[in-house]
Structure formats: structure tokens, C-alpha cells
N, C-alpha and C. Protein backbone atom coordinates (compact mmCIF):
# COMPACT_ATOMS: atom_id res chain seq x y z
N MET A 1 0.62 -1.33 -0.02
CA MET A 1 -0.10 -0.09 0.03
C MET A 1 0.76 1.22 0.33
N GLY A 2 1.49 1.93 0.61
CA GLY A 2 2.08 3.19 0.40
C GLY A 2 2.08 3.96 1.50
N VAL A 3 2.60 5.22 1.81
CA VAL A 3 2.38 6.04 2.87
C VAL A 3 0.80 6.20 3.30
N ASP A 4 0.86 6.18 4.45
CA ASP A 4 -0.60 6.53 5.01
C ASP A 4 -1.16 8.07 4.73
N GLN A 5 -1.77 8.18 3.88
CA GLN A 5 -2.46 9.55 3.62
C GLN A 5 -3.71 10.13 4.04
N ARG A 6 -4.32 9.39 4.90
CA ARG A 6 -5.61 9.99 5.59
C ARG A 6 -5.07 11.13 6.57
N PHE A 7 -6.33 11.63 6.82
CA PHE A 7 -6.22 12.80 7.73
C PHE A 7 -7.17 12.69 8.90
N LEU A 8 -6.22 11.75 9.70
CA LEU A 8 -6.92 11.29 11.15
C LEU A 8 -6.77 12.45 12.09
N SER A 9 -7.52 12.13 13.26
CA SER A 9 -7.85 13.33 14.11
C SER A 9 -6.49 13.48 14.66
N ALA A 10 -5.58 12.42 15.01
CA ALA A 10 -4.32 12.61 15.84
C ALA A 10 -3.40 13.70 14.91
N TYR A 11 -3.72 13.91 13.72
CA TYR A 11 -2.78 14.98 12.85
C TYR A 11 -3.34 16.62 12.79
N ARG A 12 -4.51 16.60 13.55
CA ARG A 12 -5.34 17.98 13.79
C ARG A 12 -5.01 18.64 15.35
N LEU A 13 -4.87 19.99 15.23
CA LEU A 13 -4.83 20.76 16.33
C LEU A 13 -6.32 21.21 16.51
N ARG A 14 -6.59 20.95 17.72
CA ARG A 14 -8.23 21.02 18.26
C ARG A 14 -8.31 22.19 19.21
N LYS A 15 -7.36 22.27 20.58
CA LYS A 15 -7.68 22.98 21.66
C LYS A 15 -6.93 24.24 21.46
N THR A 16 -7.62 25.29 22.25
CA THR A 16 -7.23 26.38 22.10
C THR A 16 -5.76 26.36 22.77
N ASP A 17 -5.25 25.57 23.85
CA ASP A 17 -4.04 25.61 24.06
C ASP A 17 -3.00 25.17 23.04
N GLU A 18 -3.28 24.20 22.13
CA GLU A 18 -2.46 23.98 21.12
C GLU A 18 -2.34 25.05 20.22
N TYR A 19 -3.32 25.80 19.89
CA TYR A 19 -2.82 26.79 18.93
C TYR A 19 -2.24 27.94 19.77
N SER A 20 -2.65 28.27 20.87
CA SER A 20 -2.07 29.35 21.59
C SER A 20 -0.39 29.08 21.72
N SER A 21 0.37 27.69 21.99
CA SER A 21 1.24 27.57 21.84
C SER A 21 2.25 27.61 20.56
N VAL A 22 1.57 27.59 19.55
CA VAL A 22 2.26 27.53 18.31
C VAL A 22 2.54 29.13 17.74
N PHE A 23 1.31 29.85 18.46
CA PHE A 23 1.54 31.04 18.08
C PHE A 23 2.40 31.94 18.94
N ALA A 24 2.65 31.45 20.54
CA ALA A 24 3.42 32.09 21.25
C ALA A 24 4.85 31.72 20.81
N PHE A 25 5.31 30.71 19.97
CA PHE A 25 6.61 30.17 19.73
C PHE A 25 7.34 30.94 18.59
N ARG A 26 6.30 31.94 18.12
CA ARG A 26 6.62 33.13 17.06
C ARG A 26 7.37 32.72 15.97
N ARG A 27 7.28 31.30 15.26
CA ARG A 27 7.81 31.05 14.17
C ARG A 27 7.01 30.99 13.04
N ALA A 28 7.30 31.56 11.79
CA ALA A 28 6.25 31.70 10.50
C ALA A 28 7.08 31.80 9.53
N LEU A 29 6.29 31.16 8.62
CA LEU A 29 6.71 31.41 6.87
C LEU A 29 5.72 31.96 6.49
N LYS A 30 6.09 33.14 5.46
CA LYS A 30 5.11 33.80 4.78
C LYS A 30 4.97 33.72 3.33
N GLY A 31 3.71 33.32 2.67
CA GLY A 31 3.48 33.13 1.37
C GLY A 31 2.64 34.60 0.97
N ARG A 32 2.10 34.50 -0.38
CA ARG A 32 1.32 35.32 -0.94
C ARG A 32 0.26 35.62 -0.21
N PHE A 33 -0.68 34.51 0.13
CA PHE A 33 -1.88 34.54 0.54
C PHE A 33 -2.11 33.97 2.21
N LEU A 34 -1.29 33.07 2.34
CA LEU A 34 -1.10 32.26 3.43
C LEU A 34 0.18 32.45 4.47
N ILE A 35 0.00 32.46 5.64
CA ILE A 35 1.17 32.43 6.75
C ILE A 35 1.27 31.33 7.41
N ALA A 36 2.23 30.53 7.55
CA ALA A 36 2.05 29.34 8.45
C ALA A 36 3.20 29.29 9.54
N HIS A 37 2.45 29.24 10.71
CA HIS A 37 2.77 29.40 12.12
C HIS A 37 3.21 27.77 12.52
N TYR A 38 4.56 27.68 12.93
CA TYR A 38 5.12 26.29 13.20
C TYR A 38 5.84 26.30 14.51
N ARG A 39 5.69 25.03 15.24
CA ARG A 39 6.52 24.58 16.71
C ARG A 39 6.83 23.27 16.56
N PRO A 40 7.63 22.91 17.01
CA PRO A 40 8.45 21.34 16.99
C PRO A 40 7.40 20.86 17.97
N ASN A 41 7.32 19.64 17.73
CA ASN A 41 6.27 18.92 18.93
C ASN A 41 6.95 17.38 19.19
N GLU A 42 6.76 16.78 20.19
CA GLU A 42 7.54 15.61 20.52
C GLU A 42 6.69 14.22 19.98
N LEU A 43 5.86 14.56 19.18
CA LEU A 43 4.94 13.25 18.78
C LEU A 43 5.18 12.39 17.67
N GLY A 44 6.34 13.15 16.78
CA GLY A 44 6.84 12.48 15.51
C GLY A 44 6.05 12.45 14.45
N THR A 45 4.97 13.24 14.25
CA THR A 45 4.34 13.67 13.25
C THR A 45 3.90 14.89 13.32
N ALA A 46 3.44 15.50 12.08
CA ALA A 46 3.11 17.00 12.12
C ALA A 46 1.49 17.07 12.09
N ARG A 47 0.99 18.12 12.87
CA ARG A 47 -0.23 18.16 12.89
C ARG A 47 -0.68 19.66 12.25
N LEU A 48 -2.01 19.86 12.22
CA LEU A 48 -2.27 20.78 11.22
C LEU A 48 -3.46 21.72 12.03
N GLY A 49 -3.72 23.05 12.00
CA GLY A 49 -4.62 23.68 12.38
C GLY A 49 -4.78 24.98 11.13
N VAL A 50 -6.21 25.20 11.02
CA VAL A 50 -6.42 26.17 10.03
C VAL A 50 -6.90 27.50 10.56
N VAL A 51 -6.86 28.53 10.18
CA VAL A 51 -7.48 29.87 10.86
C VAL A 51 -7.83 30.39 9.31
N VAL A 52 -9.03 31.13 9.10
CA VAL A 52 -9.50 31.71 8.04
C VAL A 52 -10.64 32.77 8.49
N ALA A 53 -10.11 33.96 8.58
CA ALA A 53 -10.81 34.79 9.18
C ALA A 53 -11.85 35.53 8.15
N LYS A 54 -13.32 35.90 8.53
CA LYS A 54 -13.95 36.43 8.19
C LYS A 54 -13.80 37.66 7.31
N LYS A 55 -12.86 38.29 7.91
CA LYS A 55 -12.62 39.68 7.45
C LYS A 55 -11.78 39.54 6.11
N LEU A 56 -11.15 38.41 5.79
CA LEU A 56 -10.16 38.44 4.74
C LEU A 56 -11.22 37.58 3.63
N ALA A 57 -11.93 36.52 4.05
CA ALA A 57 -12.91 35.73 3.01
C ALA A 57 -14.37 35.86 3.80
N LYS A 58 -15.11 36.75 3.03
CA LYS A 58 -16.07 37.05 3.69
C LYS A 58 -17.21 36.02 3.46
N ARG A 59 -17.37 35.39 2.43
CA ARG A 59 -18.23 34.23 2.14
C ARG A 59 -17.99 33.00 2.72
N ALA A 60 -18.76 32.30 3.18
CA ALA A 60 -18.54 31.11 3.76
C ALA A 60 -17.68 29.81 2.77
N ASN A 61 -18.23 29.82 1.42
CA ASN A 61 -17.78 28.94 0.59
C ASN A 61 -16.24 29.21 0.20
N VAL A 62 -15.95 30.57 0.29
CA VAL A 62 -14.44 30.82 0.13
C VAL A 62 -13.98 30.51 1.27
N ARG A 63 -14.51 30.71 2.39
CA ARG A 63 -13.26 30.04 3.60
C ARG A 63 -13.29 28.85 3.80
N ASN A 64 -14.38 27.93 3.34
CA ASN A 64 -14.54 26.59 3.38
C ASN A 64 -13.28 26.08 2.26
N LEU A 65 -13.48 26.70 1.05
CA LEU A 65 -12.48 26.20 -0.13
C LEU A 65 -10.92 26.44 0.29
N VAL A 66 -10.80 27.50 1.00
CA VAL A 66 -9.30 27.83 1.23
C VAL A 66 -8.99 26.58 2.47
N LYS A 67 -9.62 26.40 3.47
CA LYS A 67 -9.55 25.29 4.35
C LYS A 67 -9.11 23.94 3.63
N ARG A 68 -10.37 23.48 2.97
CA ARG A 68 -10.31 22.41 2.09
C ARG A 68 -8.80 22.24 1.55
N ILE A 69 -8.45 23.28 0.91
CA ILE A 69 -7.18 23.18 0.13
C ILE A 69 -5.93 22.94 0.78
N VAL A 70 -5.99 23.46 2.05
CA VAL A 70 -4.92 23.52 3.09
C VAL A 70 -4.75 22.20 3.39
N ARG A 71 -6.23 21.48 3.82
CA ARG A 71 -6.15 20.45 4.25
C ARG A 71 -5.69 19.19 3.66
N GLU A 72 -6.02 19.31 2.17
CA GLU A 72 -5.75 18.32 1.38
C GLU A 72 -4.35 18.32 0.86
N GLN A 73 -3.65 19.31 0.75
CA GLN A 73 -2.25 19.62 0.43
C GLN A 73 -1.46 18.89 1.83
N PHE A 74 -1.73 19.42 3.05
CA PHE A 74 -1.30 18.36 4.14
C PHE A 74 -1.23 17.24 3.90
N ARG A 75 -2.32 16.59 3.80
CA ARG A 75 -2.72 15.34 3.88
C ARG A 75 -1.82 14.57 2.92
N LYS A 76 -1.41 15.27 1.57
CA LYS A 76 -0.63 14.51 0.53
C LYS A 76 0.87 14.61 1.16
N ILE A 77 1.13 15.67 1.91
CA ILE A 77 2.66 15.91 2.43
C ILE A 77 3.17 15.67 3.61
N ARG A 78 2.16 15.23 4.39
CA ARG A 78 2.42 15.31 5.90
C ARG A 78 3.37 14.23 6.44
N ALA A 79 3.69 13.06 5.67
CA ALA A 79 4.78 12.02 6.10
C ALA A 79 6.08 12.59 5.94
N ALA A 80 6.12 13.61 4.66
CA ALA A 80 7.48 14.32 4.72
C ALA A 80 7.90 15.59 5.43
N LEU A 81 6.67 15.94 6.00
CA LEU A 81 6.89 17.26 7.01
C LEU A 81 7.61 16.69 8.17
N PRO A 82 8.49 17.79 9.05
CA PRO A 82 8.91 17.54 10.29
C PRO A 82 8.24 17.45 11.04
N PRO A 83 8.49 16.71 12.31
CA PRO A 83 7.48 16.52 13.43
C PRO A 83 7.05 18.25 14.16
N HIS A 84 6.18 18.74 13.44
CA HIS A 84 5.66 20.35 14.14
C HIS A 84 4.29 20.43 14.16
N ASP A 85 3.95 21.24 15.08
CA ASP A 85 2.49 21.64 14.95
C ASP A 85 2.46 22.91 14.17
N LEU A 86 1.72 22.79 13.34
CA LEU A 86 1.48 23.96 12.32
C LEU A 86 0.02 24.51 12.31
N ILE A 87 0.28 25.85 12.17
CA ILE A 87 -1.32 26.60 11.79
C ILE A 87 -1.01 27.35 10.31
N VAL A 88 -2.01 27.24 9.57
CA VAL A 88 -1.96 27.82 8.42
C VAL A 88 -2.79 29.12 8.41
N ARG A 89 -2.68 30.00 8.28
CA ARG A 89 -3.63 31.34 8.62
C ARG A 89 -3.57 31.94 7.45
N LEU A 90 -4.86 32.54 6.76
CA LEU A 90 -4.87 33.50 5.98
C LEU A 90 -4.66 34.74 6.17
N HIS A 91 -3.80 35.57 5.36
CA HIS A 91 -3.33 36.90 5.99
C HIS A 91 -3.67 38.06 4.98
N ALA A 92 -4.02 37.46 3.53
CA ALA A 92 -4.50 38.56 2.60
C ALA A 92 -5.76 38.13 2.06
N PRO A 93 -6.66 38.86 1.42
CA PRO A 93 -7.72 38.40 0.95
C PRO A 93 -7.66 37.97 -0.48
N VAL A 94 -8.36 36.93 -0.32
CA VAL A 94 -8.28 35.75 -1.77
C VAL A 94 -9.50 35.95 -2.68
N GLY A 95 -10.22 37.38 -2.39
CA GLY A 95 -11.42 37.52 -3.56
C GLY A 95 -11.01 37.35 -4.88
N GLN A 96 -9.78 37.90 -5.43
CA GLN A 96 -9.40 37.60 -6.67
C GLN A 96 -8.67 36.30 -7.19
N ALA A 97 -8.22 35.51 -5.93
CA ALA A 97 -7.39 34.28 -6.09
C ALA A 97 -8.12 33.05 -6.84
N THR A 98 -7.40 32.39 -7.69
CA THR A 98 -8.00 31.01 -8.42
C THR A 98 -7.50 30.09 -7.38
N ARG A 99 -8.08 28.75 -7.45
CA ARG A 99 -7.59 27.75 -6.72
C ARG A 99 -6.43 27.25 -6.85
N ALA A 100 -5.79 27.44 -8.16
CA ALA A 100 -4.60 27.03 -8.45
C ALA A 100 -3.58 28.12 -7.82
N MET A 101 -3.93 29.42 -7.66
CA MET A 101 -3.21 30.35 -6.95
C MET A 101 -2.82 29.75 -5.51
N ILE A 102 -4.09 29.56 -4.82
CA ILE A 102 -3.90 29.30 -3.46
C ILE A 102 -3.26 27.67 -3.13
N ASN A 103 -3.44 26.61 -4.10
CA ASN A 103 -2.70 25.60 -4.07
C ASN A 103 -1.25 25.86 -4.23
N ASP A 104 -0.89 26.67 -5.12
CA ASP A 104 0.42 26.94 -5.13
C ASP A 104 1.17 27.24 -4.20
N ASP A 105 0.49 28.58 -3.19
CA ASP A 105 0.93 29.17 -2.21
C ASP A 105 1.34 28.09 -0.96
N VAL A 106 -0.12 27.22 -0.87
CA VAL A 106 -0.05 26.25 0.31
C VAL A 106 1.30 25.03 0.16
N ALA A 107 1.50 24.82 -1.01
CA ALA A 107 2.59 23.89 -1.79
C ALA A 107 3.80 24.60 -1.37
N GLN A 108 3.92 25.56 -1.74
CA GLN A 108 5.52 26.47 -1.43
C GLN A 108 5.67 26.48 -0.03
N LEU A 109 4.72 26.95 0.77
CA LEU A 109 4.75 26.89 2.22
C LEU A 109 5.23 25.64 2.76
N PHE A 110 4.59 24.72 2.43
CA PHE A 110 4.91 23.19 2.79
C PHE A 110 6.42 23.00 2.40
N GLU A 111 6.88 23.18 1.40
CA GLU A 111 8.26 22.88 0.76
C GLU A 111 9.09 23.60 1.37
N ARG A 112 8.88 25.01 2.00
CA ARG A 112 9.80 25.88 2.60
C ARG A 112 9.90 25.05 4.09
N LEU A 113 8.66 24.56 4.61
CA LEU A 113 8.68 24.15 5.89
C LEU A 113 9.71 22.97 6.05
N ARG A 114 9.70 22.02 4.67
CA ARG A 114 10.24 21.15 4.90
C ARG A 114 12.03 20.92 5.05
N ALA A 115 12.16 22.47 4.62
CA ALA A 115 13.69 22.81 4.82
C ALA A 115 14.07 23.09 6.32
N CYS A 116 12.99 23.52 7.03
CA CYS A 116 13.49 24.12 8.10
C CYS A 116 13.83 23.22 9.28
């Protein structure tokens, strides 16, 4: 079979404390639309949280699309990422962005994170 590419509950950040600890660590990589905050963890695998503010993506379908794209990219590359807790946050409006542009932004962030 190959590498497990499921997006299990164990690969998600859920609690406020988990999010707070990543933001408090103050390490981030910035892309065109997204910013990836990260913090090493002791779990042996990467975990993901996604934050998409209404201020930057007014419509729910756009917010959901951004989250879906980020989760899908993470699911594909998780095994190759270092064991970090990640929060991918929207930092620029995506009104005129295409799916391909958002996909490229996420892929570039994860590639840069692999090098960290």
C-alpha cells in the first residue's frame, strides 16, 4: 500500500492551548495569501490547524474552500514534513485568487517548511 495519507484526528490541532502554544513560539513562513506558524512537537508527526478570518474571506464557501485546499495539501505531504504543530492562517484577501494560486501558495509554504 504506500504511505498513509489519511487525515486522522491525531493529525489535527483542536484545543485552544495547542493553537496558543504555536502562536507563542513566534516562528512563521509567509506566502502570498497564507502564513504558516510552526512549532516543533514531540509526537513524531506533523499536526495541522487552519484559521481563515471572515474579515479576509467574507463568504463561507470561500473560507471552506481555503480550508479544504490546505487540509488536502497537508494530507498529501504530511509524512514528509518535520514533526511540527502547524497553523496555516489566511493573511491576505483571496477575492481575486484562483484555486491554482491558493494551491501553489500552500505547496510552496509546505516545501519551505520541509527545509526548516
